[in-house]
Structure formats: C-alpha cells, structure tokens
N, C-alpha and C. Protein backbone atom coordinates (compact mmCIF):
# COMPACT_ATOMS: atom_id res chain seq x y z
N UNK A 1 5.72 2.47 16.89
CA UNK A 1 4.91 3.11 15.86
C UNK A 1 4.39 2.09 14.87
N UNK A 2 3.17 2.22 14.54
CA UNK A 2 2.54 1.27 13.64
C UNK A 2 3.05 1.43 12.21
N UNK A 3 3.19 2.66 11.75
CA UNK A 3 3.59 2.88 10.35
C UNK A 3 5.04 2.49 10.11
N UNK A 4 5.91 2.69 11.09
CA UNK A 4 7.31 2.30 10.89
C UNK A 4 7.44 0.79 10.86
N UNK A 5 6.65 0.09 11.64
CA UNK A 5 6.65 -1.37 11.60
C UNK A 5 6.11 -1.86 10.26
N UNK A 6 5.06 -1.22 9.77
CA UNK A 6 4.49 -1.58 8.47
C UNK A 6 5.51 -1.33 7.36
N UNK A 7 6.24 -0.23 7.46
CA UNK A 7 7.25 0.09 6.45
C UNK A 7 8.37 -0.94 6.44
N UNK A 8 8.82 -1.36 7.60
CA UNK A 8 9.89 -2.36 7.65
C UNK A 8 9.40 -3.70 7.11
N UNK A 9 8.14 -4.02 7.33
CA UNK A 9 7.58 -5.24 6.76
C UNK A 9 7.53 -5.15 5.24
N UNK A 10 7.17 -3.99 4.71
CA UNK A 10 7.09 -3.80 3.26
C UNK A 10 8.47 -3.82 2.62
N UNK A 11 9.47 -3.28 3.30
CA UNK A 11 10.83 -3.25 2.76
C UNK A 11 11.38 -4.66 2.54
N UNK A 12 10.91 -5.61 3.34
CA UNK A 12 11.41 -6.98 3.24
C UNK A 12 10.82 -7.74 2.05
N UNK A 13 9.79 -7.19 1.41
CA UNK A 13 9.12 -7.88 0.32
C UNK A 13 9.88 -7.72 -0.99
N UNK A 14 9.73 -8.71 -1.86
CA UNK A 14 10.32 -8.66 -3.19
C UNK A 14 9.44 -7.78 -4.08
N UNK A 15 9.96 -7.38 -5.25
CA UNK A 15 9.14 -6.56 -6.16
C UNK A 15 7.82 -7.22 -6.56
N UNK A 16 7.83 -8.53 -6.77
CA UNK A 16 6.59 -9.23 -7.12
C UNK A 16 5.61 -9.22 -5.96
N UNK A 17 6.12 -9.39 -4.76
CA UNK A 17 5.25 -9.35 -3.58
C UNK A 17 4.69 -7.95 -3.36
N UNK A 18 5.50 -6.94 -3.66
CA UNK A 18 5.00 -5.57 -3.56
C UNK A 18 3.87 -5.31 -4.55
N UNK A 19 3.99 -5.85 -5.74
CA UNK A 19 2.93 -5.71 -6.73
C UNK A 19 1.65 -6.38 -6.26
N UNK A 20 1.79 -7.57 -5.67
CA UNK A 20 0.61 -8.26 -5.13
C UNK A 20 -0.03 -7.46 -4.00
N UNK A 21 0.82 -6.89 -3.14
CA UNK A 21 0.31 -6.08 -2.02
C UNK A 21 -0.42 -4.85 -2.55
N UNK A 22 0.11 -4.25 -3.61
CA UNK A 22 -0.53 -3.08 -4.20
C UNK A 22 -1.91 -3.44 -4.75
N UNK A 23 -2.02 -4.58 -5.40
CA UNK A 23 -3.31 -5.03 -5.92
C UNK A 23 -4.31 -5.23 -4.78
N UNK A 24 -3.85 -5.85 -3.69
CA UNK A 24 -4.73 -6.08 -2.55
C UNK A 24 -5.20 -4.76 -1.93
N UNK A 25 -4.28 -3.81 -1.82
CA UNK A 25 -4.63 -2.51 -1.25
C UNK A 25 -5.61 -1.76 -2.14
N UNK A 26 -5.42 -1.85 -3.45
CA UNK A 26 -6.34 -1.18 -4.38
C UNK A 26 -7.74 -1.78 -4.28
N UNK A 27 -7.82 -3.11 -4.13
CA UNK A 27 -9.12 -3.76 -3.95
C UNK A 27 -9.78 -3.30 -2.66
N UNK A 28 -8.99 -3.23 -1.59
CA UNK A 28 -9.53 -2.78 -0.32
C UNK A 28 -10.00 -1.33 -0.42
N UNK A 29 -9.22 -0.49 -1.10
CA UNK A 29 -9.61 0.90 -1.28
C UNK A 29 -10.95 1.00 -2.03
N UNK A 30 -11.10 0.20 -3.06
CA UNK A 30 -12.35 0.20 -3.83
C UNK A 30 -13.52 -0.21 -2.92
N UNK A 31 -13.32 -1.28 -2.16
CA UNK A 31 -14.39 -1.74 -1.27
C UNK A 31 -14.75 -0.69 -0.23
N UNK A 32 -13.74 -0.01 0.30
CA UNK A 32 -14.01 1.03 1.30
C UNK A 32 -14.77 2.20 0.68
N UNK A 33 -14.40 2.58 -0.54
CA UNK A 33 -15.12 3.66 -1.22
C UNK A 33 -16.57 3.25 -1.49
N UNK A 34 -16.76 2.01 -1.87
CA UNK A 34 -18.11 1.51 -2.13
C UNK A 34 -18.93 1.52 -0.85
N UNK A 35 -18.33 1.08 0.25
CA UNK A 35 -19.03 1.09 1.54
C UNK A 35 -19.38 2.52 1.95
N UNK A 36 -18.46 3.46 1.69
CA UNK A 36 -18.73 4.85 2.03
C UNK A 36 -19.87 5.42 1.22
N UNK A 37 -19.96 5.04 -0.04
CA UNK A 37 -21.03 5.55 -0.91
C UNK A 37 -22.39 4.99 -0.51
N UNK A 38 -22.40 3.78 0.03
CA UNK A 38 -23.67 3.17 0.41
C UNK A 38 -24.01 3.40 1.88
N UNK A 39 -23.13 4.10 2.59
CA UNK A 39 -23.40 4.41 3.99
C UNK A 39 -23.12 3.27 4.95
N UNK A 40 -22.33 2.30 4.54
CA UNK A 40 -22.03 1.15 5.38
C UNK A 40 -20.64 1.20 6.01
N UNK A 41 -19.89 2.25 5.73
CA UNK A 41 -18.51 2.35 6.22
C UNK A 41 -18.51 2.71 7.69
N UNK A 42 -17.88 1.87 8.50
CA UNK A 42 -17.82 2.11 9.94
C UNK A 42 -16.51 2.78 10.35
N UNK A 43 -15.39 2.34 9.77
CA UNK A 43 -14.09 2.88 10.15
C UNK A 43 -13.59 3.81 9.04
N UNK A 44 -13.92 5.07 9.15
CA UNK A 44 -13.56 6.02 8.10
C UNK A 44 -12.06 6.30 8.06
N UNK A 45 -11.37 6.08 9.17
CA UNK A 45 -9.93 6.31 9.21
C UNK A 45 -9.18 5.28 8.38
N UNK A 46 -9.80 4.14 8.13
CA UNK A 46 -9.14 3.10 7.34
C UNK A 46 -8.90 3.54 5.90
N UNK A 47 -9.76 4.41 5.39
CA UNK A 47 -9.60 4.93 4.03
C UNK A 47 -8.25 5.65 3.93
N UNK A 48 -7.96 6.47 4.91
CA UNK A 48 -6.70 7.22 4.93
C UNK A 48 -5.50 6.29 5.07
N UNK A 49 -5.62 5.28 5.94
CA UNK A 49 -4.53 4.33 6.14
C UNK A 49 -4.21 3.57 4.85
N UNK A 50 -5.25 3.13 4.16
CA UNK A 50 -5.05 2.38 2.93
C UNK A 50 -4.41 3.26 1.87
N UNK A 51 -4.88 4.51 1.76
CA UNK A 51 -4.31 5.43 0.78
C UNK A 51 -2.82 5.65 1.04
N UNK A 52 -2.45 5.77 2.29
CA UNK A 52 -1.04 5.98 2.64
C UNK A 52 -0.21 4.71 2.43
N UNK A 53 -0.82 3.55 2.70
CA UNK A 53 -0.11 2.30 2.44
C UNK A 53 0.15 2.12 0.94
N UNK A 54 -0.80 2.53 0.12
CA UNK A 54 -0.60 2.47 -1.33
C UNK A 54 0.58 3.35 -1.72
N UNK A 55 0.66 4.53 -1.15
CA UNK A 55 1.77 5.43 -1.44
C UNK A 55 3.09 4.84 -0.97
N UNK A 56 3.09 4.16 0.18
CA UNK A 56 4.31 3.52 0.67
C UNK A 56 4.78 2.43 -0.28
N UNK A 57 3.85 1.61 -0.74
CA UNK A 57 4.21 0.52 -1.65
C UNK A 57 4.76 1.08 -2.96
N UNK A 58 4.10 2.10 -3.49
CA UNK A 58 4.58 2.70 -4.74
C UNK A 58 5.96 3.32 -4.58
N UNK A 59 6.20 3.95 -3.44
CA UNK A 59 7.50 4.55 -3.17
C UNK A 59 8.58 3.47 -3.11
N UNK A 60 8.30 2.38 -2.41
CA UNK A 60 9.27 1.30 -2.32
C UNK A 60 9.52 0.65 -3.67
N UNK A 61 8.48 0.51 -4.49
CA UNK A 61 8.67 -0.03 -5.83
C UNK A 61 9.60 0.86 -6.63
N UNK A 62 9.39 2.15 -6.54
CA UNK A 62 10.23 3.10 -7.28
C UNK A 62 11.67 3.06 -6.79
N UNK A 63 11.86 2.98 -5.47
CA UNK A 63 13.21 2.92 -4.90
C UNK A 63 13.94 1.66 -5.36
N UNK A 64 13.22 0.54 -5.36
CA UNK A 64 13.87 -0.71 -5.78
C UNK A 64 14.17 -0.70 -7.27
N UNK A 65 13.32 -0.07 -8.07
CA UNK A 65 13.58 0.04 -9.50
C UNK A 65 14.83 0.89 -9.74
N UNK A 66 14.93 2.01 -9.05
CA UNK A 66 16.09 2.89 -9.22
C UNK A 66 17.36 2.21 -8.72
N UNK A 67 17.26 1.47 -7.63
CA UNK A 67 18.44 0.79 -7.08
C UNK A 67 18.93 -0.28 -8.03
N UNK A 68 18.01 -1.01 -8.64
CA UNK A 68 18.43 -2.08 -9.56
C UNK A 68 19.00 -1.50 -10.86
N UNK A 69 18.46 -0.37 -11.31
CA UNK A 69 18.99 0.23 -12.54
C UNK A 69 20.35 0.89 -12.29
N UNK A 70 20.58 1.36 -11.09
CA UNK A 70 21.88 1.98 -10.77
C UNK A 70 22.97 0.92 -10.64
N UNK A 71 22.60 -0.27 -10.22
CA UNK A 71 23.60 -1.34 -10.07
C UNK A 71 23.97 -1.96 -11.41
N UNK A 72 23.01 -2.03 -12.31
CA UNK A 72 23.25 -2.75 -13.57
C UNK A 72 23.47 -1.88 -14.70
C-alpha cells in the first residue's frame, strides 16, 4: 500500500522535519489549486493526495507533541 509506506516514512521524521514537510505540502497544495483555477491541472487526484498527506503530517505532529508532554 502506498499510503502505509508513506506513513511509515513520515513516522521516522523528527518534529522539525515534519514541519518542513508540512510547508512543502502546503506549497504544493497552493500550486495545485492555482493550476486548477487556470485550467492547467492534469492530475486532479493529486489534490486529494496532498490534502490527505497534510492531515497525516498534522496528526503525527500532534501525536509526537502529546507523547513528549506525557513523558515530561
């Protein structure tokens, strides 16, 4: 499965790396929306994938925040 492999890759990242990944995904999402508005978007399914990847990153950030606060 593609999403489970992506999730395991994201789990291995540090909180700073997750923040960087989130910024990159947000930029890609903006570019995809811009392409869609101008009629240049070829892969419309990518919009959904990026949106879900953003949710995955945010979920992992929240989990790591809660885990670190529970330990300390």
